[in-house]
PDB file of N, CA and C in Angstrom:
ATOM      1  N   MET A   1       0.827  -1.158  -0.197  1.00  0.00           N
ATOM      2  CA  MET A   1       0.054  -0.331   0.024  1.00  0.00           C
ATOM      3  C   MET A   1       0.772   1.415   0.260  1.00  0.00           C
ATOM      4  N   PRO A   2       0.787   2.216  -1.078  1.00  0.00           N
ATOM      5  CA  PRO A   2       1.713   3.381  -0.817  1.00  0.00           C
ATOM      6  C   PRO A   2       1.477   4.461   0.745  1.00  0.00           C
ATOM      7  N   ASN A   3       2.251   5.234   0.649  1.00  0.00           N
ATOM      8  CA  ASN A   3       1.989   6.082   1.501  1.00  0.00           C
ATOM      9  C   ASN A   3       1.130   7.147   1.119  1.00  0.00           C
ATOM     10  N   ASN A   4      -0.027   7.414   1.719  1.00  0.00           N
ATOM     11  CA  ASN A   4      -0.600   8.439   1.383  1.00  0.00           C
ATOM     12  C   ASN A   4      -0.492   9.542   2.717  1.00  0.00           C
ATOM     13  N   THR A   5      -1.258  10.552   2.499  1.00  0.00           N
ATOM     14  CA  THR A   5      -1.732  11.893   3.306  1.00  0.00           C
ATOM     15  C   THR A   5      -2.888  12.420   2.893  1.00  0.00           C
ATOM     16  N   TYR A   6      -3.586  12.702   4.398  1.00  0.00           N
ATOM     17  CA  TYR A   6      -5.001  12.732   3.754  1.00  0.00           C
ATOM     18  C   TYR A   6      -5.562  13.988   4.689  1.00  0.00           C
ATOM     19  N   VAL A   7      -6.567  14.828   3.928  1.00  0.00           N
ATOM     20  CA  VAL A   7      -7.231  15.419   4.658  1.00  0.00           C
ATOM     21  C   VAL A   7      -8.578  15.151   5.107  1.00  0.00           C
ATOM     22  N   ILE A   8      -8.924  15.561   6.130  1.00  0.00           N
ATOM     23  CA  ILE A   8     -10.171  15.076   6.808  1.00  0.00           C
ATOM     24  C   ILE A   8     -10.868  16.423   6.838  1.00  0.00           C
ATOM     25  N   THR A   9     -12.140  16.229   6.205  1.00  0.00           N
ATOM     26  CA  THR A   9     -13.019  17.642   6.131  1.00  0.00           C
ATOM     27  C   THR A   9     -14.549  16.976   6.644  1.00  0.00           C
ATOM     28  N   GLU A  10     -15.368  17.647   7.282  1.00  0.00           N
ATOM     29  CA  GLU A  10     -16.880  17.497   7.955  1.00  0.00           C
ATOM     30  C   GLU A  10     -17.762  18.033   7.027  1.00  0.00           C
ATOM     31  N   ILE A  11     -18.508  17.080   6.653  1.00  0.00           N
ATOM     32  CA  ILE A  11     -19.897  17.797   5.843  1.00  0.00           C
ATOM     33  C   ILE A  11     -20.906  16.988   6.421  1.00  0.00           C
ATOM     34  N   VAL A  12     -22.152  17.617   6.047  1.00  0.00           N
ATOM     35  CA  VAL A  12     -23.061  17.511   6.428  1.00  0.00           C
ATOM     36  C   VAL A  12     -24.229  17.011   5.311  1.00  0.00           C
ATOM     37  N   GLY A  13     -24.628  15.590   5.397  1.00  0.00           N
ATOM     38  CA  GLY A  13     -25.735  15.606   4.362  1.00  0.00           C
ATOM     39  C   GLY A  13     -27.326  15.523   4.900  1.00  0.00           C
ATOM     40  N   VAL A  14     -28.451  15.823   4.153  1.00  0.00           N
ATOM     41  CA  VAL A  14     -29.640  15.922   4.479  1.00  0.00           C
ATOM     42  C   VAL A  14     -30.559  15.099   3.667  1.00  0.00           C
ATOM     43  N   SER A  15     -31.522  14.248   4.253  1.00  0.00           N
ATOM     44  CA  SER A  15     -32.534  13.705   3.320  1.00  0.00           C
ATOM     45  C   SER A  15     -33.683  14.136   4.314  1.00  0.00           C
ATOM     46  N   ALA A  16     -34.778  14.052   3.185  1.00  0.00           N
ATOM     47  CA  ALA A  16     -35.990  13.858   3.791  1.00  0.00           C
ATOM     48  C   ALA A  16     -36.727  12.539   3.884  1.00  0.00           C
ATOM     49  N   THR A  17     -35.796  11.243   3.551  1.00  0.00           N
ATOM     50  CA  THR A  17     -36.312  10.100   3.056  1.00  0.00           C
ATOM     51  C   THR A  17     -35.564   9.008   4.307  1.00  0.00           C
ATOM     52  N   SER A  18     -34.275   9.438   4.311  1.00  0.00           N
ATOM     53  CA  SER A  18     -33.530   8.201   5.186  1.00  0.00           C
ATOM     54  C   SER A  18     -32.181   8.992   5.513  1.00  0.00           C
ATOM     55  N   ILE A  19     -31.486   8.079   6.286  1.00  0.00           N
ATOM     56  CA  ILE A  19     -30.249   8.372   6.819  1.00  0.00           C
ATOM     57  C   ILE A  19     -29.212   7.737   6.030  1.00  0.00           C
ATOM     58  N   SER A  20     -29.615   6.870   4.986  1.00  0.00           N
ATOM     59  CA  SER A  20     -28.683   6.339   3.874  1.00  0.00           C
ATOM     60  C   SER A  20     -28.722   7.311   3.218  1.00  0.00           C
ATOM     61  N   ASP A  21     -29.941   7.907   2.538  1.00  0.00           N
ATOM     62  CA  ASP A  21     -29.786   8.796   1.693  1.00  0.00           C
ATOM     63  C   ASP A  21     -29.349  10.054   1.906  1.00  0.00           C
ATOM     64  N   ALA A  22     -29.267  10.280   3.002  1.00  0.00           N
ATOM     65  CA  ALA A  22     -28.320  11.790   3.805  1.00  0.00           C
ATOM     66  C   ALA A  22     -27.207  11.558   3.592  1.00  0.00           C
ATOM     67  N   ILE A  23     -26.251  10.197   3.636  1.00  0.00           N
ATOM     68  CA  ILE A  23     -24.982  10.191   3.612  1.00  0.00           C
ATOM     69  C   ILE A  23     -24.917   9.695   2.170  1.00  0.00           C
ATOM     70  N   TYR A  24     -25.513   9.138   1.354  1.00  0.00           N
ATOM     71  CA  TYR A  24     -25.301   9.434  -0.453  1.00  0.00           C
ATOM     72  C   TYR A  24     -25.257  10.760  -0.624  1.00  0.00           C
ATOM     73  N   ASN A  25     -26.230  11.448  -0.175  1.00  0.00           N
ATOM     74  CA  ASN A  25     -26.207  12.838  -0.838  1.00  0.00           C
ATOM     75  C   ASN A  25     -24.770  13.707  -0.193  1.00  0.00           C
ATOM     76  N   ALA A  26     -24.547  13.495   1.259  1.00  0.00           N
ATOM     77  CA  ALA A  26     -23.268  14.305   1.451  1.00  0.00           C
ATOM     78  C   ALA A  26     -21.728  13.852   0.434  1.00  0.00           C
ATOM     79  N   VAL A  27     -21.919  12.600   0.303  1.00  0.00           N
ATOM     80  CA  VAL A  27     -20.681  12.076  -0.237  1.00  0.00           C
ATOM     81  C   VAL A  27     -20.759  12.368  -1.971  1.00  0.00           C
ATOM     82  N   ALA A  28     -21.735  12.319  -2.603  1.00  0.00           N
ATOM     83  CA  ALA A  28     -22.331  12.617  -3.990  1.00  0.00           C
ATOM     84  C   ALA A  28     -21.844  13.990  -3.849  1.00  0.00           C
ATOM     85  N   ARG A  29     -22.360  15.024  -3.224  1.00  0.00           N
ATOM     86  CA  ARG A  29     -21.784  16.394  -3.599  1.00  0.00           C
ATOM     87  C   ARG A  29     -20.647  16.801  -3.371  1.00  0.00           C
ATOM     88  N   ALA A  30     -20.049  15.969  -2.321  1.00  0.00           N
ATOM     89  CA  ALA A  30     -18.945  16.721  -1.940  1.00  0.00           C
ATOM     90  C   ALA A  30     -17.777  15.733  -3.292  1.00  0.00           C
ATOM     91  N   ASN A  31     -18.257  14.818  -3.468  1.00  0.00           N
ATOM     92  CA  ASN A  31     -17.561  14.649  -4.739  1.00  0.00           C
ATOM     93  C   ASN A  31     -16.888  15.181  -6.154  1.00  0.00           C
ATOM     94  N   GLN A  32     -18.525  16.051  -6.368  1.00  0.00           N
ATOM     95  CA  GLN A  32     -18.294  16.984  -7.162  1.00  0.00           C
ATOM     96  C   GLN A  32     -17.401  18.080  -7.255  1.00  0.00           C
ATOM     97  N   THR A  33     -16.571  18.481  -6.012  1.00  0.00           N
ATOM     98  CA  THR A  33     -15.717  19.159  -5.650  1.00  0.00           C
ATOM     99  C   THR A  33     -14.517  18.723  -5.164  1.00  0.00           C
ATOM    100  N   LEU A  34     -14.295  17.739  -4.512  1.00  0.00           N
ATOM    101  CA  LEU A  34     -12.980  17.474  -4.151  1.00  0.00           C
ATOM    102  C   LEU A  34     -12.650  16.106  -4.970  1.00  0.00           C
ATOM    103  N   LYS A  35     -11.324  15.824  -4.988  1.00  0.00           N
ATOM    104  CA  LYS A  35     -10.889  14.947  -6.036  1.00  0.00           C
ATOM    105  C   LYS A  35     -10.216  13.820  -4.818  1.00  0.00           C
ATOM    106  N   ALA A  36     -10.248  12.863  -5.240  1.00  0.00           N
ATOM    107  CA  ALA A  36      -9.494  11.728  -4.256  1.00  0.00           C
ATOM    108  C   ALA A  36     -10.227  11.584  -3.051  1.00  0.00           C
ATOM    109  N   LEU A  37     -11.537  11.376  -2.960  1.00  0.00           N
ATOM    110  CA  LEU A  37     -12.483  11.034  -1.799  1.00  0.00           C
ATOM    111  C   LEU A  37     -12.222   9.588  -1.589  1.00  0.00           C
ATOM    112  N   ASP A  38     -11.883   9.555  -0.543  1.00  0.00           N
ATOM    113  CA  ASP A  38     -11.592   8.143  -0.135  1.00  0.00           C
ATOM    114  C   ASP A  38     -12.166   6.899   0.714  1.00  0.00           C
ATOM    115  N   TRP A  39     -12.750   7.596   2.077  1.00  0.00           N
ATOM    116  CA  TRP A  39     -13.619   7.003   2.833  1.00  0.00           C
ATOM    117  C   TRP A  39     -14.283   8.203   3.434  1.00  0.00           C
ATOM    118  N   PHE A  40     -15.247   7.335   4.344  1.00  0.00           N
ATOM    119  CA  PHE A  40     -16.252   8.591   5.418  1.00  0.00           C
ATOM    120  C   PHE A  40     -16.356   7.727   6.614  1.00  0.00           C
ATOM    121  N   GLU A  41     -16.884   8.369   7.656  1.00  0.00           N
ATOM    122  CA  GLU A  41     -16.882   8.002   8.971  1.00  0.00           C
ATOM    123  C   GLU A  41     -18.066   8.694   9.333  1.00  0.00           C
ATOM    124  N   VAL A  42     -19.421   7.990   9.789  1.00  0.00           N
ATOM    125  CA  VAL A  42     -20.556   8.856  10.303  1.00  0.00           C
ATOM    126  C   VAL A  42     -20.181   9.516  11.687  1.00  0.00           C
ATOM    127  N   ARG A  43     -19.749  10.422  12.069  1.00  0.00           N
ATOM    128  CA  ARG A  43     -19.703  11.000  13.189  1.00  0.00           C
ATOM    129  C   ARG A  43     -21.097  11.242  14.040  1.00  0.00           C
ATOM    130  N   GLU A  44     -22.043  11.744  13.569  1.00  0.00           N
ATOM    131  CA  GLU A  44     -23.471  12.247  14.427  1.00  0.00           C
ATOM    132  C   GLU A  44     -24.825  12.288  13.250  1.00  0.00           C
ATOM    133  N   VAL A  45     -25.604  11.729  14.069  1.00  0.00           N
ATOM    134  CA  VAL A  45     -26.816  11.700  13.382  1.00  0.00           C
ATOM    135  C   VAL A  45     -27.910  12.451  14.108  1.00  0.00           C
ATOM    136  N   ARG A  46     -28.887  13.109  13.539  1.00  0.00           N
ATOM    137  CA  ARG A  46     -29.801  14.055  13.962  1.00  0.00           C
ATOM    138  C   ARG A  46     -30.810  14.449  12.995  1.00  0.00           C
ATOM    139  N   GLY A  47     -31.762  15.083  13.381  1.00  0.00           N
ATOM    140  CA  GLY A  47     -33.128  15.737  12.326  1.00  0.00           C
ATOM    141  C   GLY A  47     -33.756  16.517  13.194  1.00  0.00           C
ATOM    142  N   THR A  48     -34.747  16.881  12.141  1.00  0.00           N
ATOM    143  CA  THR A  48     -35.603  17.812  12.586  1.00  0.00           C
ATOM    144  C   THR A  48     -37.178  17.152  12.776  1.00  0.00           C
ATOM    145  N   ILE A  49     -37.759  17.457  13.351  1.00  0.00           N
ATOM    146  CA  ILE A  49     -39.360  17.196  13.865  1.00  0.00           C
ATOM    147  C   ILE A  49     -40.230  18.110  12.904  1.00  0.00           C
ATOM    148  N   VAL A  50     -40.924  17.833  12.335  1.00  0.00           N
ATOM    149  CA  VAL A  50     -42.282  18.743  12.028  1.00  0.00           C
ATOM    150  C   VAL A  50     -43.648  18.106  12.309  1.00  0.00           C
ATOM    151  N   LYS A  51     -44.174  18.820  12.975  1.00  0.00           N
ATOM    152  CA  LYS A  51     -45.763  18.330  13.409  1.00  0.00           C
ATOM    153  C   LYS A  51     -45.612  16.798  13.992  1.00  0.00           C
ATOM    154  N   GLY A  52     -44.651  16.475  14.321  1.00  0.00           N
ATOM    155  CA  GLY A  52     -44.900  14.922  15.312  1.00  0.00           C
ATOM    156  C   GLY A  52     -43.924  14.038  14.450  1.00  0.00           C
ATOM    157  N   THR A  53     -43.429  14.385  13.216  1.00  0.00           N
ATOM    158  CA  THR A  53     -43.003  13.267  12.554  1.00  0.00           C
ATOM    159  C   THR A  53     -41.702  13.519  12.080  1.00  0.00           C
ATOM    160  N   VAL A  54     -40.805  12.738  11.413  1.00  0.00           N
ATOM    161  CA  VAL A  54     -39.685  13.204  11.166  1.00  0.00           C
ATOM    162  C   VAL A  54     -39.494  13.836   9.825  1.00  0.00           C
ATOM    163  N   GLY A  55     -38.683  15.399   9.900  1.00  0.00           N
ATOM    164  CA  GLY A  55     -38.934  16.218   8.822  1.00  0.00           C
ATOM    165  C   GLY A  55     -37.691  15.887   8.235  1.00  0.00           C
ATOM    166  N   GLN A  56     -36.752  15.633   8.540  1.00  0.00           N
ATOM    167  CA  GLN A  56     -35.529  15.494   7.748  1.00  0.00           C
ATOM    168  C   GLN A  56     -34.476  14.952   8.471  1.00  0.00           C
ATOM    169  N   TYR A  57     -33.468  14.202   7.900  1.00  0.00           N
ATOM    170  CA  TYR A  57     -32.658  13.268   8.651  1.00  0.00           C
ATOM    171  C   TYR A  57     -30.973  14.152   8.173  1.00  0.00           C
ATOM    172  N   GLN A  58     -30.138  14.414   9.202  1.00  0.00           N
ATOM    173  CA  GLN A  58     -28.887  15.064   9.150  1.00  0.00           C
ATOM    174  C   GLN A  58     -27.949  14.238   9.642  1.00  0.00           C
ATOM    175  N   VAL A  59     -26.764  13.950   8.516  1.00  0.00           N
ATOM    176  CA  VAL A  59     -25.607  13.129   8.759  1.00  0.00           C
ATOM    177  C   VAL A  59     -24.641  13.989   8.914  1.00  0.00           C
ATOM    178  N   THR A  60     -23.889  13.914   9.994  1.00  0.00           N
ATOM    179  CA  THR A  60     -22.524  14.358   9.972  1.00  0.00           C
ATOM    180  C   THR A  60     -21.323  13.443   9.466  1.00  0.00           C
ATOM    181  N   LEU A  61     -20.666  13.802   8.660  1.00  0.00           N
ATOM    182  CA  LEU A  61     -19.551  12.746   8.076  1.00  0.00           C
ATOM    183  C   LEU A  61     -18.096  13.376   8.358  1.00  0.00           C
ATOM    184  N   ALA A  62     -17.237  12.682   8.541  1.00  0.00           N
ATOM    185  CA  ALA A  62     -16.022  13.080   8.569  1.00  0.00           C
ATOM    186  C   ALA A  62     -15.524  12.300   6.938  1.00  0.00           C
ATOM    187  N   ALA A  63     -14.912  13.086   6.196  1.00  0.00           N
ATOM    188  CA  ALA A  63     -14.670  12.487   4.782  1.00  0.00           C
ATOM    189  C   ALA A  63     -13.083  12.814   4.633  1.00  0.00           C
ATOM    190  N   GLY A  64     -12.185  11.687   4.061  1.00  0.00           N
ATOM    191  CA  GLY A  64     -11.359  11.632   3.830  1.00  0.00           C
ATOM    192  C   GLY A  64     -10.492  11.967   2.149  1.00  0.00           C
ATOM    193  N   PHE A  65      -9.993  12.828   1.919  1.00  0.00           N
ATOM    194  CA  PHE A  65      -9.426  12.801   0.616  1.00  0.00           C
ATOM    195  C   PHE A  65      -7.987  12.740   0.672  1.00  0.00           C
ATOM    196  N   ARG A  66      -7.574  12.225  -0.207  1.00  0.00           N
ATOM    197  CA  ARG A  66      -5.992  11.856  -0.258  1.00  0.00           C
ATOM    198  C   ARG A  66      -5.362  13.619  -1.006  1.00  0.00           C
ATOM    199  N   TYR A  67      -4.059  13.766  -0.751  1.00  0.00           N
ATOM    200  CA  TYR A  67      -3.483  14.780  -1.306  1.00  0.00           C
ATOM    201  C   TYR A  67      -2.642  13.804  -2.560  1.00  0.00           C
ATOM    202  N   LEU A  68      -2.842  14.327  -3.795  1.00  0.00           N
ATOM    203  CA  LEU A  68      -2.125  13.663  -4.862  1.00  0.00           C
ATOM    204  C   LEU A  68      -0.814  14.213  -5.302  1.00  0.00           C
ATOM    205  N   THR A  69      -0.660  12.922  -5.930  1.00  0.00           N
ATOM    206  CA  THR A  69       0.833  13.140  -6.423  1.00  0.00           C
ATOM    207  C   THR A  69       0.909  13.895  -7.877  1.00  0.00           C
ATOM    208  N   ASP A  70       2.398  14.476  -8.106  1.00  0.00           N
ATOM    209  CA  ASP A  70       1.986  15.224  -9.594  1.00  0.00           C
ATOM    210  C   ASP A  70       1.592  14.063 -10.270  1.00  0.00           C
ATOM    211  N   ASP A  71       2.022  13.069 -10.166  1.00  0.00           N
ATOM    212  CA  ASP A  71       1.370  11.927 -11.578  1.00  0.00           C
ATOM    213  C   ASP A  71       0.069  11.947 -11.424  1.00  0.00           C
ATOM    214  N   GLU A  72      -0.484  11.699  -9.946  1.00  0.00           N
ATOM    215  CA  GLU A  72      -2.167  11.421  -9.589  1.00  0.00           C
ATOM    216  C   GLU A  72      -2.829  12.791 -10.182  1.00  0.00           C
ATOM    217  N   MET A  73      -2.330  14.031 -10.238  1.00  0.00           N
ATOM    218  CA  MET A  73      -2.715  15.102 -10.855  1.00  0.00           C
ATOM    219  C   MET A  73      -2.890  15.569 -11.910  1.00  0.00           C
ATOM    220  N   ARG A  74      -1.718  14.674 -12.888  1.00  0.00           N
ATOM    221  CA  ARG A  74      -1.803  15.068 -14.105  1.00  0.00           C
ATOM    222  C   ARG A  74      -2.832  14.026 -14.769  1.00  0.00           C
ATOM    223  N   ALA A  75      -2.726  12.705 -14.264  1.00  0.00           N
ATOM    224  CA  ALA A  75      -3.765  11.743 -14.694  1.00  0.00           C
ATOM    225  C   ALA A  75      -5.227  12.570 -14.377  1.00  0.00           C
ATOM    226  N   TRP A  76      -5.465  12.941 -13.240  1.00  0.00           N
ATOM    227  CA  TRP A  76      -6.940  13.608 -12.828  1.00  0.00           C
ATOM    228  C   TRP A  76      -7.441  14.426 -13.847  1.00  0.00           C
ATOM    229  N   VAL A  77      -6.689  15.526 -14.220  1.00  0.00           N
ATOM    230  CA  VAL A  77      -7.017  16.906 -15.023  1.00  0.00           C
ATOM    231  C   VAL A  77      -7.253  16.098 -16.354  1.00  0.00           C
ATOM    232  N   LYS A  78      -6.487  14.920 -16.926  1.00  0.00           N
ATOM    233  CA  LYS A  78      -6.888  14.731 -18.327  1.00  0.00           C
ATOM    234  C   LYS A  78      -8.135  14.152 -18.253  1.00  0.00           C
ATOM    235  N   ASN A  79      -8.760  13.200 -17.309  1.00  0.00           N
ATOM    236  CA  ASN A  79      -9.865  12.807 -17.233  1.00  0.00           C
ATOM    237  C   ASN A  79     -11.003  13.692 -17.452  1.00  0.00           C
TER     238      ASN A  79
END
């Protein structure tokens, strides 16, 4: 396994449907902006209550993305 260096960022996903959808939404959106996302960890689950029922699921994730080598960066830019 190569030596990697990671940045950890915190993101929050939201869904009116489920915790799983909130996680998916957070990862999918972060992937549009961040390169080399490799992993996530669920740190917190919470939600809102609207008129006595679940209104929204909110999931806080720690997401790790790699610092890319020069070769990886060139390959990424080509794609």
